[in-house]
Amino acid sequence: NTNLKTVAILPVSRNVPIDTFARKLKTALEVMGAKTSYMNQASVSSHLGRHAFSRMGTLKAAAWLADKEQRYRTVLYVADSPV
């Protein structure tokens, strides 16, 4: 789908190898020519620091994530644990 922009990947249980699946999906999308960004809690925290998921970091995070969605054809948002 050429309109595919953002994808949320959510595990249904702790037994699902979500990271492996998401990285394989990223590779497959890139093989098809879609520049793809892989985002999880660690990558967001690494870039935005310890306040990434606090009220203080909301505006900074929103701007940074919007920039990712502009620069990449597809952005994968990967949840680290079941919701």
PDB file of N, CA and C in Angstrom:
ATOM      1  N   ASN A   1       0.848  -1.179   0.000  1.00  0.00           N
ATOM      2  CA  ASN A   1       0.000   0.000   0.000  1.00  0.00           C
ATOM      3  C   ASN A   1       0.893   1.241   0.000  1.00  0.00           C
ATOM      4  N   THR A   2       0.774   2.065  -1.001  1.00  0.00           N
ATOM      5  CA  THR A   2       1.631   3.254  -1.098  1.00  0.00           C
ATOM      6  C   THR A   2       1.247   4.332  -0.092  1.00  0.00           C
ATOM      7  N   ASN A   3       0.073   4.233   0.510  1.00  0.00           N
ATOM      8  CA  ASN A   3      -0.352   5.212   1.503  1.00  0.00           C
ATOM      9  C   ASN A   3       0.067   4.841   2.917  1.00  0.00           C
ATOM     10  N   LEU A   4       0.641   3.675   3.091  1.00  0.00           N
ATOM     11  CA  LEU A   4       1.069   3.221   4.406  1.00  0.00           C
ATOM     12  C   LEU A   4       2.147   4.153   4.943  1.00  0.00           C
ATOM     13  N   LYS A   5       1.910   4.756   6.103  1.00  0.00           N
ATOM     14  CA  LYS A   5       2.846   5.729   6.658  1.00  0.00           C
ATOM     15  C   LYS A   5       3.310   5.330   8.048  1.00  0.00           C
ATOM     16  N   THR A   6       2.371   5.125   8.950  1.00  0.00           N
ATOM     17  CA  THR A   6       2.731   4.738  10.309  1.00  0.00           C
ATOM     18  C   THR A   6       2.093   3.403  10.641  1.00  0.00           C
ATOM     19  N   VAL A   7       2.870   2.577  11.342  1.00  0.00           N
ATOM     20  CA  VAL A   7       2.402   1.247  11.717  1.00  0.00           C
ATOM     21  C   VAL A   7       2.722   1.030  13.181  1.00  0.00           C
ATOM     22  N   ALA A   8       1.708   0.689  13.956  1.00  0.00           N
ATOM     23  CA  ALA A   8       1.919   0.338  15.363  1.00  0.00           C
ATOM     24  C   ALA A   8       1.955  -1.180  15.460  1.00  0.00           C
ATOM     25  N   ILE A   9       2.982  -1.689  16.106  1.00  0.00           N
ATOM     26  CA  ILE A   9       3.129  -3.132  16.273  1.00  0.00           C
ATOM     27  C   ILE A   9       3.012  -3.428  17.763  1.00  0.00           C
ATOM     28  N   LEU A  10       1.967  -4.172  18.113  1.00  0.00           N
ATOM     29  CA  LEU A  10       1.654  -4.458  19.507  1.00  0.00           C
ATOM     30  C   LEU A  10       1.672  -5.964  19.752  1.00  0.00           C
ATOM     31  N   PRO A  11       2.439  -6.436  20.720  1.00  0.00           N
ATOM     32  CA  PRO A  11       2.428  -7.866  21.028  1.00  0.00           C
ATOM     33  C   PRO A  11       1.152  -8.235  21.784  1.00  0.00           C
ATOM     34  N   VAL A  12       0.646  -9.440  21.550  1.00  0.00           N
ATOM     35  CA  VAL A  12      -0.550  -9.886  22.262  1.00  0.00           C
ATOM     36  C   VAL A  12      -0.208 -10.604  23.562  1.00  0.00           C
ATOM     37  N   SER A  13       1.047 -11.023  23.691  1.00  0.00           N
ATOM     38  CA  SER A  13       1.505 -11.653  24.929  1.00  0.00           C
ATOM     39  C   SER A  13       3.016 -11.488  25.024  1.00  0.00           C
ATOM     40  N   ARG A  14       3.556 -11.788  26.175  1.00  0.00           N
ATOM     41  CA  ARG A  14       5.010 -11.675  26.372  1.00  0.00           C
ATOM     42  C   ARG A  14       5.785 -12.726  25.576  1.00  0.00           C
ATOM     43  N   ASN A  15       5.101 -13.755  25.095  1.00  0.00           N
ATOM     44  CA  ASN A  15       5.750 -14.836  24.350  1.00  0.00           C
ATOM     45  C   ASN A  15       5.960 -14.514  22.873  1.00  0.00           C
ATOM     46  N   VAL A  16       5.459 -13.386  22.434  1.00  0.00           N
ATOM     47  CA  VAL A  16       5.585 -12.984  21.031  1.00  0.00           C
ATOM     48  C   VAL A  16       6.939 -12.297  20.830  1.00  0.00           C
ATOM     49  N   PRO A  17       7.749 -12.782  19.890  1.00  0.00           N
ATOM     50  CA  PRO A  17       9.058 -12.149  19.627  1.00  0.00           C
ATOM     51  C   PRO A  17       8.882 -10.860  18.812  1.00  0.00           C
ATOM     52  N   ILE A  18       8.330  -9.849  19.450  1.00  0.00           N
ATOM     53  CA  ILE A  18       7.920  -8.624  18.755  1.00  0.00           C
ATOM     54  C   ILE A  18       9.095  -7.911  18.091  1.00  0.00           C
ATOM     55  N   ASP A  19      10.228  -7.866  18.766  1.00  0.00           N
ATOM     56  CA  ASP A  19      11.392  -7.178  18.205  1.00  0.00           C
ATOM     57  C   ASP A  19      11.864  -7.859  16.926  1.00  0.00           C
ATOM     58  N   THR A  20      11.926  -9.170  16.951  1.00  0.00           N
ATOM     59  CA  THR A  20      12.344  -9.925  15.761  1.00  0.00           C
ATOM     60  C   THR A  20      11.381  -9.689  14.602  1.00  0.00           C
ATOM     61  N   PHE A  21      10.086  -9.769  14.878  1.00  0.00           N
ATOM     62  CA  PHE A  21       9.080  -9.535  13.844  1.00  0.00           C
ATOM     63  C   PHE A  21       9.206  -8.130  13.263  1.00  0.00           C
ATOM     64  N   ALA A  22       9.301  -7.138  14.140  1.00  0.00           N
ATOM     65  CA  ALA A  22       9.352  -5.743  13.693  1.00  0.00           C
ATOM     66  C   ALA A  22      10.600  -5.471  12.854  1.00  0.00           C
ATOM     67  N   ARG A  23      11.721  -6.014  13.253  1.00  0.00           N
ATOM     68  CA  ARG A  23      12.953  -5.800  12.482  1.00  0.00           C
ATOM     69  C   ARG A  23      12.894  -6.492  11.116  1.00  0.00           C
ATOM     70  N   LYS A  24      12.270  -7.656  11.064  1.00  0.00           N
ATOM     71  CA  LYS A  24      12.085  -8.331   9.770  1.00  0.00           C
ATOM     72  C   LYS A  24      11.138  -7.540   8.869  1.00  0.00           C
ATOM     73  N   LEU A  25      10.098  -6.977   9.454  1.00  0.00           N
ATOM     74  CA  LEU A  25       9.174  -6.139   8.683  1.00  0.00           C
ATOM     75  C   LEU A  25       9.895  -4.909   8.148  1.00  0.00           C
ATOM     76  N   LYS A  26      10.721  -4.284   8.975  1.00  0.00           N
ATOM     77  CA  LYS A  26      11.497  -3.117   8.543  1.00  0.00           C
ATOM     78  C   LYS A  26      12.377  -3.475   7.353  1.00  0.00           C
ATOM     79  N   THR A  27      13.069  -4.595   7.453  1.00  0.00           N
ATOM     80  CA  THR A  27      13.935  -5.045   6.362  1.00  0.00           C
ATOM     81  C   THR A  27      13.134  -5.299   5.092  1.00  0.00           C
ATOM     82  N   ALA A  28      11.987  -5.949   5.219  1.00  0.00           N
ATOM     83  CA  ALA A  28      11.154  -6.246   4.047  1.00  0.00           C
ATOM     84  C   ALA A  28      10.647  -4.963   3.389  1.00  0.00           C
ATOM     85  N   LEU A  29      10.235  -3.991   4.198  1.00  0.00           N
ATOM     86  CA  LEU A  29       9.765  -2.719   3.642  1.00  0.00           C
ATOM     87  C   LEU A  29      10.889  -1.989   2.917  1.00  0.00           C
ATOM     88  N   GLU A  30      12.086  -2.030   3.487  1.00  0.00           N
ATOM     89  CA  GLU A  30      13.220  -1.356   2.849  1.00  0.00           C
ATOM     90  C   GLU A  30      13.635  -2.051   1.556  1.00  0.00           C
ATOM     91  N   VAL A  31      13.528  -3.373   1.522  1.00  0.00           N
ATOM     92  CA  VAL A  31      13.821  -4.105   0.288  1.00  0.00           C
ATOM     93  C   VAL A  31      12.862  -3.675  -0.823  1.00  0.00           C
ATOM     94  N   MET A  32      11.624  -3.352  -0.437  1.00  0.00           N
ATOM     95  CA  MET A  32      10.626  -2.894  -1.411  1.00  0.00           C
ATOM     96  C   MET A  32      10.784  -1.413  -1.745  1.00  0.00           C
ATOM     97  N   GLY A  33      11.778  -0.753  -1.154  1.00  0.00           N
ATOM     98  CA  GLY A  33      12.056   0.634  -1.489  1.00  0.00           C
ATOM     99  C   GLY A  33      11.472   1.669  -0.549  1.00  0.00           C
ATOM    100  N   ALA A  34      10.909   1.236   0.582  1.00  0.00           N
ATOM    101  CA  ALA A  34      10.312   2.177   1.532  1.00  0.00           C
ATOM    102  C   ALA A  34      11.312   2.473   2.647  1.00  0.00           C
ATOM    103  N   LYS A  35      11.867   3.672   2.637  1.00  0.00           N
ATOM    104  CA  LYS A  35      12.770   4.093   3.716  1.00  0.00           C
ATOM    105  C   LYS A  35      11.972   4.028   5.019  1.00  0.00           C
ATOM    106  N   THR A  36      12.449   3.214   5.980  1.00  0.00           N
ATOM    107  CA  THR A  36      11.659   2.894   7.164  1.00  0.00           C
ATOM    108  C   THR A  36      12.418   3.193   8.447  1.00  0.00           C
ATOM    109  N   SER A  37      11.707   3.783   9.410  1.00  0.00           N
ATOM    110  CA  SER A  37      12.269   4.057  10.732  1.00  0.00           C
ATOM    111  C   SER A  37      11.658   3.091  11.737  1.00  0.00           C
ATOM    112  N   TYR A  38      12.482   2.568  12.621  1.00  0.00           N
ATOM    113  CA  TYR A  38      12.052   1.636  13.674  1.00  0.00           C
ATOM    114  C   TYR A  38      12.117   2.380  14.997  1.00  0.00           C
ATOM    115  N   MET A  39      10.980   2.511  15.663  1.00  0.00           N
ATOM    116  CA  MET A  39      10.925   3.255  16.921  1.00  0.00           C
ATOM    117  C   MET A  39      10.384   2.365  18.036  1.00  0.00           C
ATOM    118  N   ASN A  40      11.126   2.310  19.146  1.00  0.00           N
ATOM    119  CA  ASN A  40      10.612   1.659  20.341  1.00  0.00           C
ATOM    120  C   ASN A  40      10.943   2.559  21.535  1.00  0.00           C
ATOM    121  N   GLN A  41      10.576   2.124  22.709  1.00  0.00           N
ATOM    122  CA  GLN A  41      10.787   2.966  23.885  1.00  0.00           C
ATOM    123  C   GLN A  41      12.259   3.310  24.065  1.00  0.00           C
ATOM    124  N   ALA A  42      13.139   2.342  23.842  1.00  0.00           N
ATOM    125  CA  ALA A  42      14.573   2.590  24.012  1.00  0.00           C
ATOM    126  C   ALA A  42      15.097   3.626  23.034  1.00  0.00           C
ATOM    127  N   SER A  43      14.679   3.558  21.777  1.00  0.00           N
ATOM    128  CA  SER A  43      15.193   4.515  20.796  1.00  0.00           C
ATOM    129  C   SER A  43      14.663   5.924  21.068  1.00  0.00           C
ATOM    130  N   VAL A  44      13.413   6.018  21.493  1.00  0.00           N
ATOM    131  CA  VAL A  44      12.853   7.335  21.821  1.00  0.00           C
ATOM    132  C   VAL A  44      13.542   7.904  23.050  1.00  0.00           C
ATOM    133  N   SER A  45      13.690   7.087  24.083  1.00  0.00           N
ATOM    134  CA  SER A  45      14.363   7.540  25.312  1.00  0.00           C
ATOM    135  C   SER A  45      15.806   7.930  25.052  1.00  0.00           C
ATOM    136  N   SER A  46      16.472   7.180  24.201  1.00  0.00           N
ATOM    137  CA  SER A  46      17.867   7.469  23.875  1.00  0.00           C
ATOM    138  C   SER A  46      18.014   8.836  23.238  1.00  0.00           C
ATOM    139  N   HIS A  47      17.087   9.181  22.356  1.00  0.00           N
ATOM    140  CA  HIS A  47      17.175  10.467  21.664  1.00  0.00           C
ATOM    141  C   HIS A  47      16.655  11.632  22.512  1.00  0.00           C
ATOM    142  N   LEU A  48      15.546  11.424  23.199  1.00  0.00           N
ATOM    143  CA  LEU A  48      14.896  12.525  23.913  1.00  0.00           C
ATOM    144  C   LEU A  48      15.275  12.633  25.388  1.00  0.00           C
ATOM    145  N   GLY A  49      15.928  11.626  25.916  1.00  0.00           N
ATOM    146  CA  GLY A  49      16.355  11.685  27.308  1.00  0.00           C
ATOM    147  C   GLY A  49      15.301  11.191  28.283  1.00  0.00           C
ATOM    148  N   ARG A  50      15.579  11.371  29.551  1.00  0.00           N
ATOM    149  CA  ARG A  50      14.746  10.775  30.598  1.00  0.00           C
ATOM    150  C   ARG A  50      13.346  11.374  30.693  1.00  0.00           C
ATOM    151  N   HIS A  51      13.125  12.531  30.123  1.00  0.00           N
ATOM    152  CA  HIS A  51      11.802  13.150  30.175  1.00  0.00           C
ATOM    153  C   HIS A  51      10.961  12.863  28.933  1.00  0.00           C
ATOM    154  N   ALA A  52      11.399  11.914  28.115  1.00  0.00           N
ATOM    155  CA  ALA A  52      10.708  11.632  26.861  1.00  0.00           C
ATOM    156  C   ALA A  52       9.235  11.284  27.048  1.00  0.00           C
ATOM    157  N   PHE A  53       8.907  10.586  28.116  1.00  0.00           N
ATOM    158  CA  PHE A  53       7.530  10.129  28.308  1.00  0.00           C
ATOM    159  C   PHE A  53       6.830  10.863  29.450  1.00  0.00           C
ATOM    160  N   SER A  54       7.324  12.043  29.763  1.00  0.00           N
ATOM    161  CA  SER A  54       6.681  12.853  30.800  1.00  0.00           C
ATOM    162  C   SER A  54       5.929  13.998  30.145  1.00  0.00           C
ATOM    163  N   ARG A  55       5.177  14.738  30.941  1.00  0.00           N
ATOM    164  CA  ARG A  55       4.473  15.900  30.394  1.00  0.00           C
ATOM    165  C   ARG A  55       5.453  16.929  29.843  1.00  0.00           C
ATOM    166  N   MET A  56       6.610  17.051  30.505  1.00  0.00           N
ATOM    167  CA  MET A  56       7.620  18.018  30.044  1.00  0.00           C
ATOM    168  C   MET A  56       8.120  17.698  28.635  1.00  0.00           C
ATOM    169  N   GLY A  57       8.231  16.425  28.342  1.00  0.00           N
ATOM    170  CA  GLY A  57       8.788  16.034  27.051  1.00  0.00           C
ATOM    171  C   GLY A  57       7.779  15.931  25.929  1.00  0.00           C
ATOM    172  N   THR A  58       6.520  16.169  26.204  1.00  0.00           N
ATOM    173  CA  THR A  58       5.467  15.967  25.204  1.00  0.00           C
ATOM    174  C   THR A  58       5.676  16.788  23.939  1.00  0.00           C
ATOM    175  N   LEU A  59       5.930  18.063  24.054  1.00  0.00           N
ATOM    176  CA  LEU A  59       6.102  18.901  22.865  1.00  0.00           C
ATOM    177  C   LEU A  59       7.349  18.532  22.087  1.00  0.00           C
ATOM    178  N   LYS A  60       8.430  18.291  22.806  1.00  0.00           N
ATOM    179  CA  LYS A  60       9.675  17.897  22.150  1.00  0.00           C
ATOM    180  C   LYS A  60       9.494  16.565  21.428  1.00  0.00           C
ATOM    181  N   ALA A  61       8.839  15.628  22.089  1.00  0.00           N
ATOM    182  CA  ALA A  61       8.610  14.313  21.491  1.00  0.00           C
ATOM    183  C   ALA A  61       7.713  14.431  20.266  1.00  0.00           C
ATOM    184  N   ALA A  62       6.649  15.212  20.359  1.00  0.00           N
ATOM    185  CA  ALA A  62       5.721  15.367  19.235  1.00  0.00           C
ATOM    186  C   ALA A  62       6.431  15.937  18.015  1.00  0.00           C
ATOM    187  N   ALA A  63       7.266  16.935  18.224  1.00  0.00           N
ATOM    188  CA  ALA A  63       8.004  17.543  17.106  1.00  0.00           C
ATOM    189  C   ALA A  63       8.982  16.547  16.499  1.00  0.00           C
ATOM    190  N   TRP A  64       9.680  15.807  17.349  1.00  0.00           N
ATOM    191  CA  TRP A  64      10.671  14.843  16.865  1.00  0.00           C
ATOM    192  C   TRP A  64       9.991  13.715  16.090  1.00  0.00           C
ATOM    193  N   LEU A  65       8.877  13.203  16.606  1.00  0.00           N
ATOM    194  CA  LEU A  65       8.156  12.127  15.924  1.00  0.00           C
ATOM    195  C   LEU A  65       7.550  12.618  14.610  1.00  0.00           C
ATOM    196  N   ALA A  66       7.049  13.833  14.579  1.00  0.00           N
ATOM    197  CA  ALA A  66       6.516  14.406  13.335  1.00  0.00           C
ATOM    198  C   ALA A  66       7.620  14.511  12.288  1.00  0.00           C
ATOM    199  N   ASP A  67       8.820  14.894  12.722  1.00  0.00           N
ATOM    200  CA  ASP A  67       9.959  14.966  11.813  1.00  0.00           C
ATOM    201  C   ASP A  67      10.285  13.590  11.243  1.00  0.00           C
ATOM    202  N   LYS A  68      10.237  12.568  12.084  1.00  0.00           N
ATOM    203  CA  LYS A  68      10.483  11.189  11.614  1.00  0.00           C
ATOM    204  C   LYS A  68       9.472  10.816  10.533  1.00  0.00           C
ATOM    205  N   GLU A  69       8.206  11.173  10.765  1.00  0.00           N
ATOM    206  CA  GLU A  69       7.170  10.817   9.802  1.00  0.00           C
ATOM    207  C   GLU A  69       7.307  11.589   8.491  1.00  0.00           C
ATOM    208  N   GLN A  70       7.954  12.739   8.523  1.00  0.00           N
ATOM    209  CA  GLN A  70       8.219  13.495   7.299  1.00  0.00           C
ATOM    210  C   GLN A  70       9.406  12.925   6.531  1.00  0.00           C
ATOM    211  N   ARG A  71      10.424  12.476   7.258  1.00  0.00           N
ATOM    212  CA  ARG A  71      11.667  12.023   6.620  1.00  0.00           C
ATOM    213  C   ARG A  71      11.631  10.583   6.132  1.00  0.00           C
ATOM    214  N   TYR A  72      10.745   9.763   6.681  1.00  0.00           N
ATOM    215  CA  TYR A  72      10.679   8.351   6.325  1.00  0.00           C
ATOM    216  C   TYR A  72       9.367   8.035   5.637  1.00  0.00           C
ATOM    217  N   ARG A  73       9.425   7.110   4.716  1.00  0.00           N
ATOM    218  CA  ARG A  73       8.208   6.666   4.031  1.00  0.00           C
ATOM    219  C   ARG A  73       7.295   5.934   5.004  1.00  0.00           C
ATOM    220  N   THR A  74       7.888   5.098   5.868  1.00  0.00           N
ATOM    221  CA  THR A  74       7.134   4.330   6.848  1.00  0.00           C
ATOM    222  C   THR A  74       7.816   4.428   8.200  1.00  0.00           C
ATOM    223  N   VAL A  75       7.028   4.605   9.251  1.00  0.00           N
ATOM    224  CA  VAL A  75       7.551   4.623  10.616  1.00  0.00           C
ATOM    225  C   VAL A  75       6.873   3.494  11.378  1.00  0.00           C
ATOM    226  N   LEU A  76       7.695   2.601  11.937  1.00  0.00           N
ATOM    227  CA  LEU A  76       7.188   1.508  12.750  1.00  0.00           C
ATOM    228  C   LEU A  76       7.289   1.898  14.215  1.00  0.00           C
ATOM    229  N   TYR A  77       6.160   1.941  14.883  1.00  0.00           N
ATOM    230  CA  TYR A  77       6.134   2.199  16.332  1.00  0.00           C
ATOM    231  C   TYR A  77       5.939   0.841  17.008  1.00  0.00           C
ATOM    232  N   VAL A  78       6.937   0.403  17.750  1.00  0.00           N
ATOM    233  CA  VAL A  78       6.927  -0.938  18.320  1.00  0.00           C
ATOM    234  C   VAL A  78       6.731  -0.855  19.840  1.00  0.00           C
ATOM    235  N   ALA A  79       5.650  -1.452  20.326  1.00  0.00           N
ATOM    236  CA  ALA A  79       5.403  -1.513  21.768  1.00  0.00           C
ATOM    237  C   ALA A  79       6.280  -2.613  22.353  1.00  0.00           C
ATOM    238  N   ASP A  80       6.933  -2.308  23.466  1.00  0.00           N
ATOM    239  CA  ASP A  80       7.858  -3.261  24.063  1.00  0.00           C
ATOM    240  C   ASP A  80       7.181  -4.354  24.875  1.00  0.00           C
ATOM    241  N   SER A  81       5.951  -4.118  25.290  1.00  0.00           N
ATOM    242  CA  SER A  81       5.244  -5.124  26.094  1.00  0.00           C
ATOM    243  C   SER A  81       3.772  -5.100  25.738  1.00  0.00           C
ATOM    244  N   PRO A  82       3.061  -6.182  26.072  1.00  0.00           N
ATOM    245  CA  PRO A  82       1.630  -6.245  25.732  1.00  0.00           C
ATOM    246  C   PRO A  82       0.861  -5.076  26.340  1.00  0.00           C
ATOM    247  N   VAL A  83      -0.128  -4.647  25.602  1.00  0.00           N
ATOM    248  CA  VAL A  83      -0.952  -3.525  26.042  1.00  0.00           C
ATOM    249  C   VAL A  83      -2.120  -4.045  26.845  1.00  0.00           C
TER     250      VAL A  83
END
